[in-house]
């Protein structure tokens, strides 16, 4: 089993890994976004194959898992380039979702 990396700034393993990504792939946002779109395309394809699968479900699910990892890696790298950590981004998205759901419930109650 591989070691897990805690995805927040200040963690030396995380910082080292992000430097490796910058070295290998650069920190150029347009190129990272292009790569993200490529990986999202591969994820969509893997999901569609998995969705319609009648056999080899495990293998097709594993492929989705791998593509999710590729997308997550690129998103994590983009977060790093912008100087934000993944947990903060996820927390902000959760707060936004919670606010929207509360507003929706409020409107429905009126």
N, C-alpha and C. Protein backbone atom coordinates (compact mmCIF):
# COMPACT_ATOMS: atom_id res chain seq x y z
N UNK A 1 0.85 -1.18 0.00
CA UNK A 1 0.00 0.00 0.00
C UNK A 1 0.89 1.24 0.00
N UNK A 2 0.47 2.23 -0.76
CA UNK A 2 1.26 3.45 -0.85
C UNK A 2 0.92 4.40 0.29
N UNK A 3 1.84 5.29 0.56
CA UNK A 3 1.62 6.28 1.61
C UNK A 3 0.61 7.32 1.15
N UNK A 4 -0.21 7.75 2.09
CA UNK A 4 -1.19 8.80 1.81
C UNK A 4 -0.53 10.15 2.09
N UNK A 5 -0.87 11.14 1.28
CA UNK A 5 -0.37 12.50 1.47
C UNK A 5 -1.51 13.36 1.97
N UNK A 6 -1.30 14.04 3.08
CA UNK A 6 -2.29 14.98 3.59
C UNK A 6 -2.28 16.20 2.67
N UNK A 7 -3.46 16.55 2.14
CA UNK A 7 -3.53 17.57 1.10
C UNK A 7 -3.75 18.97 1.64
N UNK A 8 -2.81 19.45 2.41
CA UNK A 8 -2.91 20.84 2.84
C UNK A 8 -1.54 21.49 2.88
N UNK A 9 -1.59 22.82 2.70
CA UNK A 9 -0.35 23.58 2.71
C UNK A 9 0.32 23.41 4.07
N UNK A 10 1.61 23.48 4.07
CA UNK A 10 2.35 23.34 5.32
C UNK A 10 2.79 21.91 5.57
N UNK A 11 2.21 20.96 4.85
CA UNK A 11 2.62 19.57 4.97
C UNK A 11 3.81 19.37 4.04
N UNK A 12 4.94 18.94 4.58
CA UNK A 12 6.16 18.87 3.76
C UNK A 12 6.04 17.86 2.62
N UNK A 13 5.34 16.74 2.83
CA UNK A 13 5.16 15.77 1.74
C UNK A 13 4.34 16.39 0.61
N UNK A 14 3.29 17.11 0.98
CA UNK A 14 2.44 17.77 0.00
C UNK A 14 3.24 18.82 -0.77
N UNK A 15 3.97 19.65 -0.05
CA UNK A 15 4.76 20.70 -0.70
C UNK A 15 5.80 20.11 -1.64
N UNK A 16 6.46 19.05 -1.22
CA UNK A 16 7.45 18.38 -2.06
C UNK A 16 6.80 17.82 -3.31
N UNK A 17 5.64 17.19 -3.14
CA UNK A 17 4.93 16.63 -4.29
C UNK A 17 4.50 17.72 -5.27
N UNK A 18 4.01 18.85 -4.77
CA UNK A 18 3.60 19.93 -5.65
C UNK A 18 4.80 20.51 -6.41
N UNK A 19 5.95 20.60 -5.75
CA UNK A 19 7.16 21.05 -6.44
C UNK A 19 7.53 20.08 -7.56
N UNK A 20 7.38 18.79 -7.29
CA UNK A 20 7.64 17.78 -8.33
C UNK A 20 6.70 17.97 -9.52
N UNK A 21 5.43 18.24 -9.24
CA UNK A 21 4.48 18.47 -10.33
C UNK A 21 4.86 19.72 -11.12
N UNK A 22 5.26 20.78 -10.41
CA UNK A 22 5.69 22.01 -11.10
C UNK A 22 6.89 21.74 -11.98
N UNK A 23 7.82 20.94 -11.50
CA UNK A 23 9.01 20.61 -12.28
C UNK A 23 8.66 19.77 -13.50
N UNK A 24 7.85 18.76 -13.29
CA UNK A 24 7.50 17.85 -14.38
C UNK A 24 6.53 18.46 -15.39
N UNK A 25 5.56 19.23 -14.91
CA UNK A 25 4.47 19.68 -15.78
C UNK A 25 4.34 21.18 -15.88
N UNK A 26 5.13 21.92 -15.18
CA UNK A 26 5.11 23.39 -15.12
C UNK A 26 3.94 23.88 -14.27
N UNK A 27 3.92 25.15 -14.02
CA UNK A 27 2.84 25.75 -13.26
C UNK A 27 2.06 26.71 -14.14
N UNK A 28 2.09 26.46 -15.44
CA UNK A 28 1.38 27.26 -16.42
C UNK A 28 -0.10 26.87 -16.42
N UNK A 29 -0.95 27.79 -15.97
CA UNK A 29 -2.38 27.50 -15.81
C UNK A 29 -3.04 27.05 -17.13
N UNK A 30 -2.82 27.73 -18.25
CA UNK A 30 -3.47 27.25 -19.48
C UNK A 30 -3.12 25.80 -19.83
N UNK A 31 -1.86 25.43 -19.64
CA UNK A 31 -1.50 24.04 -19.95
C UNK A 31 -2.10 23.06 -18.95
N UNK A 32 -2.20 23.47 -17.69
CA UNK A 32 -2.83 22.62 -16.68
C UNK A 32 -4.32 22.47 -16.95
N UNK A 33 -4.98 23.56 -17.39
CA UNK A 33 -6.40 23.48 -17.71
C UNK A 33 -6.64 22.61 -18.94
N UNK A 34 -5.76 22.69 -19.90
CA UNK A 34 -5.86 21.82 -21.07
C UNK A 34 -5.76 20.35 -20.64
N UNK A 35 -4.81 20.06 -19.77
CA UNK A 35 -4.65 18.70 -19.26
C UNK A 35 -5.87 18.28 -18.46
N UNK A 36 -6.43 19.19 -17.67
CA UNK A 36 -7.63 18.88 -16.91
C UNK A 36 -8.77 18.49 -17.84
N UNK A 37 -8.96 19.24 -18.90
CA UNK A 37 -10.04 18.93 -19.85
C UNK A 37 -9.81 17.56 -20.50
N UNK A 38 -8.57 17.25 -20.81
CA UNK A 38 -8.24 15.93 -21.36
C UNK A 38 -8.61 14.82 -20.37
N UNK A 39 -8.22 15.02 -19.12
CA UNK A 39 -8.50 14.01 -18.10
C UNK A 39 -10.00 13.89 -17.81
N UNK A 40 -10.72 15.01 -17.82
CA UNK A 40 -12.17 14.96 -17.63
C UNK A 40 -12.81 14.18 -18.78
N UNK A 41 -12.33 14.37 -19.99
CA UNK A 41 -12.83 13.60 -21.13
C UNK A 41 -12.62 12.11 -20.93
N UNK A 42 -11.45 11.74 -20.44
CA UNK A 42 -11.17 10.33 -20.17
C UNK A 42 -12.05 9.80 -19.05
N UNK A 43 -12.33 10.63 -18.05
CA UNK A 43 -13.22 10.23 -16.96
C UNK A 43 -14.64 10.01 -17.49
N UNK A 44 -15.12 10.92 -18.30
CA UNK A 44 -16.46 10.77 -18.88
C UNK A 44 -16.55 9.47 -19.67
N UNK A 45 -15.55 9.22 -20.49
CA UNK A 45 -15.54 7.98 -21.28
C UNK A 45 -15.55 6.75 -20.38
N UNK A 46 -14.72 6.75 -19.35
CA UNK A 46 -14.65 5.61 -18.43
C UNK A 46 -15.99 5.42 -17.71
N UNK A 47 -16.62 6.52 -17.31
CA UNK A 47 -17.92 6.43 -16.63
C UNK A 47 -18.99 5.88 -17.56
N UNK A 48 -18.98 6.30 -18.80
CA UNK A 48 -19.98 5.82 -19.76
C UNK A 48 -19.80 4.32 -20.01
N UNK A 49 -18.56 3.88 -20.14
CA UNK A 49 -18.28 2.46 -20.33
C UNK A 49 -18.74 1.68 -19.11
N UNK A 50 -18.41 2.19 -17.93
CA UNK A 50 -18.80 1.52 -16.68
C UNK A 50 -20.31 1.47 -16.54
N UNK A 51 -20.98 2.56 -16.89
CA UNK A 51 -22.43 2.65 -16.75
C UNK A 51 -23.15 1.60 -17.59
N UNK A 52 -22.61 1.32 -18.77
CA UNK A 52 -23.27 0.38 -19.67
C UNK A 52 -22.70 -1.03 -19.58
N UNK A 53 -21.78 -1.26 -18.68
CA UNK A 53 -21.10 -2.55 -18.58
C UNK A 53 -22.03 -3.66 -18.10
N UNK A 54 -21.91 -4.78 -18.75
CA UNK A 54 -22.65 -5.98 -18.34
C UNK A 54 -21.71 -6.99 -17.69
N UNK A 55 -20.41 -6.85 -17.98
CA UNK A 55 -19.42 -7.75 -17.39
C UNK A 55 -18.15 -6.96 -17.11
N UNK A 56 -17.20 -7.59 -16.47
CA UNK A 56 -15.94 -6.92 -16.09
C UNK A 56 -16.19 -5.63 -15.30
N UNK A 57 -17.19 -5.66 -14.44
CA UNK A 57 -17.58 -4.48 -13.66
C UNK A 57 -16.41 -3.98 -12.81
N UNK A 58 -15.70 -4.91 -12.18
CA UNK A 58 -14.58 -4.52 -11.32
C UNK A 58 -13.53 -3.75 -12.12
N UNK A 59 -13.14 -4.31 -13.27
CA UNK A 59 -12.10 -3.66 -14.09
C UNK A 59 -12.56 -2.28 -14.58
N UNK A 60 -13.82 -2.20 -14.97
CA UNK A 60 -14.33 -0.92 -15.46
C UNK A 60 -14.47 0.10 -14.33
N UNK A 61 -14.82 -0.38 -13.15
CA UNK A 61 -14.88 0.50 -11.98
C UNK A 61 -13.49 0.98 -11.60
N UNK A 62 -12.52 0.10 -11.69
CA UNK A 62 -11.13 0.47 -11.41
C UNK A 62 -10.66 1.55 -12.37
N UNK A 63 -11.05 1.44 -13.62
CA UNK A 63 -10.67 2.47 -14.60
C UNK A 63 -11.27 3.82 -14.23
N UNK A 64 -12.54 3.84 -13.79
CA UNK A 64 -13.17 5.08 -13.33
C UNK A 64 -12.38 5.65 -12.15
N UNK A 65 -12.02 4.77 -11.21
CA UNK A 65 -11.25 5.17 -10.04
C UNK A 65 -9.93 5.83 -10.45
N UNK A 66 -9.25 5.22 -11.41
CA UNK A 66 -7.97 5.76 -11.88
C UNK A 66 -8.16 7.12 -12.55
N UNK A 67 -9.20 7.26 -13.34
CA UNK A 67 -9.46 8.54 -14.01
C UNK A 67 -9.86 9.62 -13.01
N UNK A 68 -10.63 9.25 -11.99
CA UNK A 68 -10.95 10.19 -10.92
C UNK A 68 -9.67 10.69 -10.25
N UNK A 69 -8.74 9.77 -10.04
CA UNK A 69 -7.46 10.15 -9.44
C UNK A 69 -6.69 11.13 -10.31
N UNK A 70 -6.70 10.90 -11.63
CA UNK A 70 -6.01 11.81 -12.54
C UNK A 70 -6.62 13.21 -12.48
N UNK A 71 -7.96 13.28 -12.49
CA UNK A 71 -8.64 14.58 -12.41
C UNK A 71 -8.31 15.25 -11.07
N UNK A 72 -8.39 14.48 -9.99
CA UNK A 72 -8.10 15.03 -8.66
C UNK A 72 -6.67 15.55 -8.58
N UNK A 73 -5.74 14.84 -9.19
CA UNK A 73 -4.34 15.27 -9.17
C UNK A 73 -4.17 16.62 -9.87
N UNK A 74 -4.77 16.76 -11.04
CA UNK A 74 -4.65 18.02 -11.77
C UNK A 74 -5.32 19.15 -10.99
N UNK A 75 -6.51 18.89 -10.43
CA UNK A 75 -7.18 19.91 -9.63
C UNK A 75 -6.35 20.31 -8.42
N UNK A 76 -5.74 19.33 -7.78
CA UNK A 76 -4.87 19.61 -6.63
C UNK A 76 -3.69 20.46 -7.04
N UNK A 77 -3.12 20.16 -8.20
CA UNK A 77 -1.99 20.94 -8.69
C UNK A 77 -2.42 22.38 -8.98
N UNK A 78 -3.59 22.55 -9.60
CA UNK A 78 -4.09 23.90 -9.89
C UNK A 78 -4.33 24.66 -8.58
N UNK A 79 -4.90 23.99 -7.60
CA UNK A 79 -5.07 24.62 -6.28
C UNK A 79 -3.73 25.11 -5.74
N UNK A 80 -2.73 24.26 -5.84
CA UNK A 80 -1.39 24.60 -5.35
C UNK A 80 -0.81 25.80 -6.08
N UNK A 81 -0.99 25.83 -7.38
CA UNK A 81 -0.48 26.96 -8.18
C UNK A 81 -1.10 28.27 -7.69
N UNK A 82 -2.39 28.22 -7.36
CA UNK A 82 -3.09 29.41 -6.88
C UNK A 82 -2.88 29.65 -5.38
N UNK A 83 -2.17 28.75 -4.73
CA UNK A 83 -1.83 28.97 -3.32
C UNK A 83 -2.93 28.61 -2.34
N UNK A 84 -3.85 27.74 -2.76
CA UNK A 84 -4.91 27.30 -1.85
C UNK A 84 -4.81 25.79 -1.67
N UNK A 85 -5.26 25.33 -0.50
CA UNK A 85 -5.20 23.89 -0.27
C UNK A 85 -6.56 23.25 -0.54
N UNK A 86 -6.54 21.99 -0.88
CA UNK A 86 -7.74 21.26 -1.26
C UNK A 86 -8.80 21.26 -0.15
N UNK A 87 -8.45 20.98 1.10
CA UNK A 87 -9.50 21.01 2.13
C UNK A 87 -10.23 22.35 2.22
N UNK A 88 -9.53 23.45 2.04
CA UNK A 88 -10.17 24.77 2.07
C UNK A 88 -11.13 24.94 0.90
N UNK A 89 -10.73 24.46 -0.27
CA UNK A 89 -11.59 24.55 -1.45
C UNK A 89 -12.85 23.72 -1.25
N UNK A 90 -12.68 22.51 -0.74
CA UNK A 90 -13.83 21.62 -0.51
C UNK A 90 -14.74 22.22 0.56
N UNK A 91 -14.17 22.76 1.63
CA UNK A 91 -14.99 23.36 2.69
C UNK A 91 -15.78 24.55 2.15
N UNK A 92 -15.16 25.37 1.33
CA UNK A 92 -15.85 26.50 0.74
C UNK A 92 -17.00 26.04 -0.16
N UNK A 93 -16.77 25.00 -0.95
CA UNK A 93 -17.82 24.46 -1.81
C UNK A 93 -18.96 23.88 -0.97
N UNK A 94 -18.63 23.22 0.14
CA UNK A 94 -19.64 22.67 1.03
C UNK A 94 -20.48 23.80 1.64
N UNK A 95 -19.82 24.86 2.09
CA UNK A 95 -20.53 26.00 2.66
C UNK A 95 -21.48 26.62 1.64
N UNK A 96 -21.02 26.75 0.41
CA UNK A 96 -21.84 27.29 -0.67
C UNK A 96 -23.05 26.39 -0.92
N UNK A 97 -22.83 25.09 -0.95
CA UNK A 97 -23.91 24.12 -1.13
C UNK A 97 -24.92 24.22 0.02
N UNK A 98 -24.41 24.24 1.24
CA UNK A 98 -25.29 24.35 2.41
C UNK A 98 -26.13 25.62 2.35
N UNK A 99 -25.53 26.73 1.97
CA UNK A 99 -26.25 28.00 1.86
C UNK A 99 -27.36 27.89 0.82
N UNK A 100 -27.02 27.33 -0.34
CA UNK A 100 -28.03 27.19 -1.40
C UNK A 100 -29.18 26.30 -0.96
N UNK A 101 -28.88 25.21 -0.27
CA UNK A 101 -29.93 24.30 0.19
C UNK A 101 -30.82 24.97 1.24
N UNK A 102 -30.20 25.76 2.11
CA UNK A 102 -30.97 26.49 3.13
C UNK A 102 -31.88 27.52 2.46
N UNK A 103 -31.37 28.22 1.45
CA UNK A 103 -32.18 29.19 0.72
C UNK A 103 -33.33 28.50 -0.01
N UNK A 104 -33.06 27.37 -0.60
CA UNK A 104 -34.09 26.60 -1.30
C UNK A 104 -35.19 26.17 -0.33
N UNK A 105 -34.78 25.65 0.82
CA UNK A 105 -35.74 25.21 1.83
C UNK A 105 -36.58 26.38 2.33
N UNK A 106 -35.93 27.53 2.49
CA UNK A 106 -36.63 28.73 2.95
C UNK A 106 -37.70 29.15 1.95
N UNK A 107 -37.34 29.14 0.65
CA UNK A 107 -38.29 29.51 -0.40
C UNK A 107 -39.45 28.52 -0.47
N UNK A 108 -39.13 27.24 -0.32
CA UNK A 108 -40.17 26.21 -0.38
C UNK A 108 -41.13 26.31 0.81
N UNK A 109 -40.64 26.81 1.94
CA UNK A 109 -41.47 26.94 3.15
C UNK A 109 -42.41 28.14 3.07
N UNK A 110 -42.10 29.08 2.19
CA UNK A 110 -42.92 30.31 2.09
C UNK A 110 -44.25 30.04 1.42
